[in-house]
Amino acid sequence: MVTAITQGVKISVETVYQDAYSNPADEAFMFAYKIEIENLSDYAIQLMRRQWFIFDSNGTIKEVEGEGVIGVQPVIEPGQTHAYVSGCQITTEIGSMKGNYAMVRLVDDTAFKVDIPEFQLIAPYRLN
């Protein structure tokens, strides 16, 4: 698990290679990732947008940006956690992802960004 804390928000990421949804012969490698967003601050926050940078070992960089996560813009109260699972397909056996969330502190509408730490996307058979 990879973890980072930015401005009182802890982001933890776990990844799993999805063998059943991958097809190496067609250069399709599917990964699932679980994100946990924990509000360690004293204020309620809302996740407004996400920005991802997805890298594969061919040097390709893909940027994905949009509102919320998996269709929601969750409000996370102090001491609470919001978790979700999503996925990513890349064209190589090894890659990585990183990014940020655009958040708002609800008490005063202060906007801030939270780093999503870089995490590896590696087909398990490449670890030997």
N, C-alpha and C. Protein backbone atom coordinates (compact mmCIF):
# COMPACT_ATOMS: atom_id res chain seq x y z
N MET A 1 0.84 -1.18 0.00
CA MET A 1 0.00 0.00 0.00
C MET A 1 0.89 1.25 0.00
N VAL A 2 0.49 2.23 -0.79
CA VAL A 2 1.19 3.50 -0.87
C VAL A 2 0.32 4.55 -0.18
N THR A 3 0.94 5.41 0.62
CA THR A 3 0.19 6.40 1.40
C THR A 3 0.89 7.75 1.36
N ALA A 4 0.09 8.82 1.35
CA ALA A 4 0.62 10.18 1.45
C ALA A 4 -0.40 11.05 2.18
N ILE A 5 0.09 12.05 2.89
CA ILE A 5 -0.77 13.00 3.59
C ILE A 5 -0.47 14.40 3.06
N THR A 6 -1.52 15.10 2.61
CA THR A 6 -1.40 16.48 2.14
C THR A 6 -2.48 17.31 2.83
N GLN A 7 -2.11 18.36 3.50
CA GLN A 7 -3.04 19.28 4.14
C GLN A 7 -4.12 18.56 4.97
N GLY A 8 -3.70 17.56 5.71
CA GLY A 8 -4.62 16.87 6.61
C GLY A 8 -5.50 15.83 5.94
N VAL A 9 -5.18 15.46 4.71
CA VAL A 9 -5.95 14.43 4.01
C VAL A 9 -5.00 13.29 3.65
N LYS A 10 -5.33 12.10 4.13
CA LYS A 10 -4.48 10.92 3.90
C LYS A 10 -5.06 10.11 2.74
N ILE A 11 -4.22 9.85 1.75
CA ILE A 11 -4.60 9.05 0.59
C ILE A 11 -3.81 7.74 0.65
N SER A 12 -4.53 6.61 0.60
CA SER A 12 -3.89 5.29 0.57
C SER A 12 -4.38 4.55 -0.67
N VAL A 13 -3.45 3.85 -1.33
CA VAL A 13 -3.77 3.18 -2.58
C VAL A 13 -3.26 1.74 -2.55
N GLU A 14 -4.12 0.82 -2.98
CA GLU A 14 -3.75 -0.58 -3.18
C GLU A 14 -4.10 -0.95 -4.61
N THR A 15 -3.25 -1.73 -5.27
CA THR A 15 -3.51 -2.15 -6.64
C THR A 15 -3.55 -3.66 -6.76
N VAL A 16 -4.32 -4.12 -7.75
CA VAL A 16 -4.42 -5.55 -8.04
C VAL A 16 -4.45 -5.73 -9.56
N TYR A 17 -3.59 -6.58 -10.08
CA TYR A 17 -3.59 -6.92 -11.50
C TYR A 17 -4.83 -7.75 -11.79
N GLN A 18 -5.52 -7.43 -12.86
CA GLN A 18 -6.76 -8.12 -13.23
C GLN A 18 -6.48 -9.07 -14.40
N ASP A 19 -5.98 -10.26 -14.07
CA ASP A 19 -5.60 -11.25 -15.08
C ASP A 19 -6.77 -11.60 -15.99
N ALA A 20 -7.97 -11.77 -15.42
CA ALA A 20 -9.14 -12.18 -16.20
C ALA A 20 -9.56 -11.13 -17.23
N TYR A 21 -9.19 -9.87 -17.00
CA TYR A 21 -9.58 -8.78 -17.91
C TYR A 21 -8.41 -8.28 -18.75
N SER A 22 -7.29 -8.94 -18.65
CA SER A 22 -6.10 -8.55 -19.41
C SER A 22 -5.90 -9.50 -20.58
N ASN A 23 -5.27 -8.98 -21.63
CA ASN A 23 -4.94 -9.79 -22.80
C ASN A 23 -3.57 -9.35 -23.31
N PRO A 24 -2.51 -9.97 -22.77
CA PRO A 24 -1.15 -9.56 -23.16
C PRO A 24 -0.90 -9.62 -24.67
N ALA A 25 -1.52 -10.56 -25.37
CA ALA A 25 -1.32 -10.66 -26.82
C ALA A 25 -1.82 -9.41 -27.55
N ASP A 26 -2.80 -8.74 -26.96
CA ASP A 26 -3.33 -7.50 -27.54
C ASP A 26 -2.82 -6.25 -26.83
N GLU A 27 -1.77 -6.41 -26.04
CA GLU A 27 -1.18 -5.30 -25.27
C GLU A 27 -2.23 -4.60 -24.41
N ALA A 28 -2.99 -5.40 -23.69
CA ALA A 28 -4.04 -4.88 -22.79
C ALA A 28 -3.81 -5.46 -21.40
N PHE A 29 -3.40 -4.60 -20.47
CA PHE A 29 -3.11 -5.00 -19.10
C PHE A 29 -4.00 -4.19 -18.17
N MET A 30 -4.90 -4.88 -17.48
CA MET A 30 -5.92 -4.22 -16.66
C MET A 30 -5.54 -4.31 -15.18
N PHE A 31 -5.69 -3.19 -14.49
CA PHE A 31 -5.40 -3.10 -13.07
C PHE A 31 -6.59 -2.47 -12.35
N ALA A 32 -6.89 -2.97 -11.17
CA ALA A 32 -7.86 -2.32 -10.29
C ALA A 32 -7.08 -1.63 -9.18
N TYR A 33 -7.63 -0.53 -8.70
CA TYR A 33 -7.00 0.14 -7.57
C TYR A 33 -8.08 0.60 -6.60
N LYS A 34 -7.75 0.46 -5.32
CA LYS A 34 -8.65 0.91 -4.26
C LYS A 34 -8.02 2.14 -3.62
N ILE A 35 -8.81 3.20 -3.53
CA ILE A 35 -8.36 4.45 -2.93
C ILE A 35 -9.14 4.67 -1.63
N GLU A 36 -8.43 4.99 -0.57
CA GLU A 36 -9.04 5.42 0.68
C GLU A 36 -8.62 6.85 0.94
N ILE A 37 -9.61 7.71 1.15
CA ILE A 37 -9.37 9.13 1.42
C ILE A 37 -9.83 9.37 2.86
N GLU A 38 -8.89 9.65 3.74
CA GLU A 38 -9.20 9.86 5.15
C GLU A 38 -8.99 11.32 5.53
N ASN A 39 -10.02 11.91 6.11
CA ASN A 39 -9.96 13.31 6.52
C ASN A 39 -9.40 13.39 7.93
N LEU A 40 -8.14 13.78 8.06
CA LEU A 40 -7.48 13.92 9.35
C LEU A 40 -7.59 15.35 9.90
N SER A 41 -8.25 16.23 9.14
CA SER A 41 -8.35 17.63 9.55
C SER A 41 -9.53 17.85 10.49
N ASP A 42 -9.71 19.09 10.90
CA ASP A 42 -10.81 19.45 11.80
C ASP A 42 -12.04 19.95 11.05
N TYR A 43 -12.01 19.91 9.72
CA TYR A 43 -13.08 20.49 8.92
C TYR A 43 -13.62 19.48 7.90
N ALA A 44 -14.91 19.60 7.60
CA ALA A 44 -15.50 18.79 6.53
C ALA A 44 -14.93 19.26 5.19
N ILE A 45 -14.67 18.31 4.31
CA ILE A 45 -14.13 18.62 2.99
C ILE A 45 -14.98 17.93 1.93
N GLN A 46 -14.91 18.45 0.72
CA GLN A 46 -15.59 17.81 -0.40
C GLN A 46 -14.62 17.65 -1.55
N LEU A 47 -14.62 16.45 -2.13
CA LEU A 47 -13.78 16.16 -3.30
C LEU A 47 -14.55 16.65 -4.53
N MET A 48 -13.98 17.58 -5.26
CA MET A 48 -14.65 18.17 -6.41
C MET A 48 -14.20 17.59 -7.75
N ARG A 49 -12.88 17.41 -7.91
CA ARG A 49 -12.33 16.97 -9.19
C ARG A 49 -11.15 16.03 -8.95
N ARG A 50 -10.78 15.32 -10.00
CA ARG A 50 -9.61 14.45 -9.97
C ARG A 50 -8.78 14.71 -11.21
N GLN A 51 -7.48 14.49 -11.09
CA GLN A 51 -6.55 14.57 -12.22
C GLN A 51 -5.56 13.43 -12.07
N TRP A 52 -5.48 12.59 -13.09
CA TRP A 52 -4.58 11.45 -13.10
C TRP A 52 -3.54 11.60 -14.20
N PHE A 53 -2.34 11.10 -13.92
CA PHE A 53 -1.30 10.93 -14.92
C PHE A 53 -0.94 9.46 -14.92
N ILE A 54 -1.13 8.81 -16.06
CA ILE A 54 -0.94 7.36 -16.19
C ILE A 54 0.24 7.13 -17.12
N PHE A 55 1.21 6.37 -16.65
CA PHE A 55 2.44 6.11 -17.38
C PHE A 55 2.55 4.63 -17.71
N ASP A 56 3.04 4.30 -18.92
CA ASP A 56 3.39 2.91 -19.19
C ASP A 56 4.88 2.84 -19.52
N SER A 57 5.40 1.64 -19.65
CA SER A 57 6.85 1.50 -19.83
C SER A 57 7.30 1.79 -21.26
N ASN A 58 6.37 2.14 -22.15
CA ASN A 58 6.75 2.61 -23.49
C ASN A 58 7.00 4.11 -23.51
N GLY A 59 6.80 4.76 -22.36
CA GLY A 59 6.98 6.20 -22.28
C GLY A 59 5.71 7.00 -22.56
N THR A 60 4.60 6.32 -22.73
CA THR A 60 3.33 6.99 -22.97
C THR A 60 2.79 7.56 -21.66
N ILE A 61 2.32 8.81 -21.72
CA ILE A 61 1.69 9.46 -20.57
C ILE A 61 0.29 9.84 -20.98
N LYS A 62 -0.69 9.41 -20.18
CA LYS A 62 -2.08 9.73 -20.45
C LYS A 62 -2.61 10.54 -19.28
N GLU A 63 -3.29 11.64 -19.57
CA GLU A 63 -3.89 12.46 -18.52
C GLU A 63 -5.40 12.27 -18.54
N VAL A 64 -5.97 12.05 -17.35
CA VAL A 64 -7.42 11.90 -17.19
C VAL A 64 -7.85 12.91 -16.14
N GLU A 65 -8.86 13.71 -16.47
CA GLU A 65 -9.30 14.75 -15.55
C GLU A 65 -10.82 14.82 -15.61
N GLY A 66 -11.45 15.09 -14.46
CA GLY A 66 -12.89 15.21 -14.47
C GLY A 66 -13.46 15.46 -13.09
N GLU A 67 -14.78 15.58 -13.04
CA GLU A 67 -15.47 15.84 -11.78
C GLU A 67 -15.51 14.59 -10.91
N GLY A 68 -15.33 14.79 -9.62
CA GLY A 68 -15.52 13.75 -8.62
C GLY A 68 -14.76 12.47 -8.88
N VAL A 69 -15.24 11.41 -8.24
CA VAL A 69 -14.68 10.06 -8.42
C VAL A 69 -15.85 9.09 -8.55
N ILE A 70 -15.76 8.23 -9.54
CA ILE A 70 -16.81 7.26 -9.87
C ILE A 70 -18.23 7.84 -9.75
N GLY A 71 -18.40 9.05 -10.29
CA GLY A 71 -19.71 9.66 -10.36
C GLY A 71 -20.19 10.42 -9.13
N VAL A 72 -19.36 10.57 -8.12
CA VAL A 72 -19.78 11.30 -6.92
C VAL A 72 -18.73 12.33 -6.52
N GLN A 73 -19.19 13.34 -5.79
CA GLN A 73 -18.31 14.34 -5.19
C GLN A 73 -18.53 14.25 -3.68
N PRO A 74 -17.87 13.26 -3.04
CA PRO A 74 -18.18 12.97 -1.65
C PRO A 74 -17.78 14.07 -0.67
N VAL A 75 -18.62 14.26 0.34
CA VAL A 75 -18.27 15.09 1.48
C VAL A 75 -17.70 14.15 2.54
N ILE A 76 -16.54 14.52 3.07
CA ILE A 76 -15.86 13.67 4.05
C ILE A 76 -15.71 14.48 5.33
N GLU A 77 -16.38 14.04 6.36
CA GLU A 77 -16.35 14.72 7.66
C GLU A 77 -15.03 14.43 8.37
N PRO A 78 -14.65 15.26 9.34
CA PRO A 78 -13.42 15.00 10.11
C PRO A 78 -13.44 13.60 10.71
N GLY A 79 -12.33 12.88 10.55
CA GLY A 79 -12.21 11.53 11.09
C GLY A 79 -12.87 10.45 10.23
N GLN A 80 -13.51 10.83 9.15
CA GLN A 80 -14.20 9.87 8.28
C GLN A 80 -13.32 9.51 7.08
N THR A 81 -13.70 8.39 6.43
CA THR A 81 -12.98 7.90 5.26
C THR A 81 -13.97 7.66 4.13
N HIS A 82 -13.56 7.99 2.93
CA HIS A 82 -14.31 7.63 1.72
C HIS A 82 -13.42 6.69 0.91
N ALA A 83 -13.95 5.54 0.54
CA ALA A 83 -13.18 4.57 -0.25
C ALA A 83 -13.93 4.23 -1.53
N TYR A 84 -13.17 3.95 -2.58
CA TYR A 84 -13.78 3.51 -3.83
C TYR A 84 -12.77 2.65 -4.59
N VAL A 85 -13.29 1.90 -5.54
CA VAL A 85 -12.46 1.05 -6.40
C VAL A 85 -12.69 1.47 -7.84
N SER A 86 -11.61 1.57 -8.59
CA SER A 86 -11.70 1.89 -10.00
C SER A 86 -10.66 1.07 -10.74
N GLY A 87 -10.49 1.33 -12.01
CA GLY A 87 -9.55 0.55 -12.79
C GLY A 87 -8.86 1.35 -13.86
N CYS A 88 -7.82 0.75 -14.41
CA CYS A 88 -7.01 1.40 -15.44
C CYS A 88 -6.42 0.32 -16.35
N GLN A 89 -6.48 0.55 -17.64
CA GLN A 89 -5.84 -0.35 -18.59
C GLN A 89 -4.66 0.36 -19.23
N ILE A 90 -3.52 -0.33 -19.28
CA ILE A 90 -2.35 0.20 -19.97
C ILE A 90 -1.89 -0.81 -21.01
N THR A 91 -0.95 -0.40 -21.86
CA THR A 91 -0.53 -1.26 -22.97
C THR A 91 0.74 -2.05 -22.68
N THR A 92 1.29 -1.90 -21.47
CA THR A 92 2.49 -2.64 -21.10
C THR A 92 2.29 -3.32 -19.75
N GLU A 93 3.18 -4.25 -19.43
CA GLU A 93 3.08 -5.00 -18.18
C GLU A 93 3.44 -4.18 -16.95
N ILE A 94 4.13 -3.07 -17.16
CA ILE A 94 4.59 -2.23 -16.07
C ILE A 94 4.23 -0.78 -16.36
N GLY A 95 3.71 -0.11 -15.34
CA GLY A 95 3.38 1.30 -15.46
C GLY A 95 3.20 1.90 -14.08
N SER A 96 2.66 3.10 -14.05
CA SER A 96 2.38 3.74 -12.77
C SER A 96 1.32 4.81 -12.97
N MET A 97 0.78 5.26 -11.84
CA MET A 97 -0.21 6.34 -11.83
C MET A 97 0.10 7.28 -10.68
N LYS A 98 -0.26 8.53 -10.86
CA LYS A 98 -0.22 9.51 -9.78
C LYS A 98 -1.18 10.62 -10.16
N GLY A 99 -1.46 11.51 -9.22
CA GLY A 99 -2.37 12.59 -9.56
C GLY A 99 -2.69 13.45 -8.37
N ASN A 100 -3.89 14.07 -8.43
CA ASN A 100 -4.32 14.92 -7.33
C ASN A 100 -5.84 15.04 -7.34
N TYR A 101 -6.35 15.40 -6.17
CA TYR A 101 -7.77 15.70 -6.02
C TYR A 101 -7.91 17.18 -5.72
N ALA A 102 -8.85 17.83 -6.36
CA ALA A 102 -9.21 19.21 -6.02
C ALA A 102 -10.30 19.12 -4.95
N MET A 103 -10.02 19.69 -3.80
CA MET A 103 -10.91 19.63 -2.64
C MET A 103 -11.36 21.03 -2.26
N VAL A 104 -12.45 21.07 -1.48
CA VAL A 104 -12.94 22.33 -0.90
C VAL A 104 -13.18 22.09 0.58
N ARG A 105 -12.67 22.99 1.40
CA ARG A 105 -12.96 22.97 2.84
C ARG A 105 -14.31 23.68 3.00
N LEU A 106 -15.33 22.97 3.48
CA LEU A 106 -16.70 23.47 3.46
C LEU A 106 -16.95 24.63 4.42
N VAL A 107 -16.19 24.74 5.50
CA VAL A 107 -16.43 25.79 6.48
C VAL A 107 -16.20 27.19 5.90
N ASP A 108 -15.26 27.31 4.93
CA ASP A 108 -14.95 28.62 4.38
C ASP A 108 -14.75 28.62 2.86
N ASP A 109 -15.12 27.50 2.21
CA ASP A 109 -15.00 27.36 0.74
C ASP A 109 -13.57 27.51 0.23
N THR A 110 -12.59 27.21 1.06
CA THR A 110 -11.19 27.25 0.63
C THR A 110 -10.89 26.04 -0.26
N ALA A 111 -10.40 26.32 -1.47
CA ALA A 111 -10.01 25.25 -2.39
C ALA A 111 -8.56 24.86 -2.14
N PHE A 112 -8.27 23.57 -2.25
CA PHE A 112 -6.90 23.09 -2.11
C PHE A 112 -6.74 21.78 -2.85
N LYS A 113 -5.51 21.40 -3.14
CA LYS A 113 -5.22 20.15 -3.83
C LYS A 113 -4.58 19.16 -2.89
N VAL A 114 -4.91 17.90 -3.10
CA VAL A 114 -4.35 16.79 -2.33
C VAL A 114 -3.63 15.86 -3.30
N ASP A 115 -2.38 15.54 -3.00
CA ASP A 115 -1.60 14.65 -3.86
C ASP A 115 -2.07 13.21 -3.72
N ILE A 116 -2.17 12.55 -4.87
CA ILE A 116 -2.35 11.09 -4.90
C ILE A 116 -0.96 10.54 -5.15
N PRO A 117 -0.41 9.78 -4.20
CA PRO A 117 0.98 9.32 -4.36
C PRO A 117 1.12 8.39 -5.56
N GLU A 118 2.29 8.43 -6.17
CA GLU A 118 2.54 7.54 -7.31
C GLU A 118 2.51 6.09 -6.84
N PHE A 119 1.82 5.26 -7.61
CA PHE A 119 1.77 3.83 -7.31
C PHE A 119 2.03 3.03 -8.58
N GLN A 120 2.58 1.84 -8.38
CA GLN A 120 3.02 0.99 -9.47
C GLN A 120 1.89 0.11 -10.00
N LEU A 121 1.91 -0.10 -11.29
CA LEU A 121 1.03 -1.06 -11.97
C LEU A 121 1.95 -2.10 -12.59
N ILE A 122 2.00 -3.27 -11.98
CA ILE A 122 2.95 -4.30 -12.43
C ILE A 122 2.25 -5.64 -12.48
N ALA A 123 2.28 -6.27 -13.66
CA ALA A 123 1.75 -7.64 -13.78
C ALA A 123 2.61 -8.54 -12.88
N PRO A 124 1.98 -9.36 -12.02
CA PRO A 124 2.74 -10.12 -11.01
C PRO A 124 3.86 -11.00 -11.58
N TYR A 125 3.69 -11.53 -12.79
CA TYR A 125 4.72 -12.40 -13.35
C TYR A 125 5.99 -11.62 -13.73
N ARG A 126 5.92 -10.28 -13.74
CA ARG A 126 7.09 -9.46 -14.02
C ARG A 126 7.94 -9.20 -12.78
N LEU A 127 7.46 -9.62 -11.62
CA LEU A 127 8.19 -9.37 -10.37
C LEU A 127 9.30 -10.37 -10.11
N ASN A 128 9.41 -11.42 -10.91
CA ASN A 128 10.45 -12.44 -10.69
C ASN A 128 11.75 -12.05 -11.33
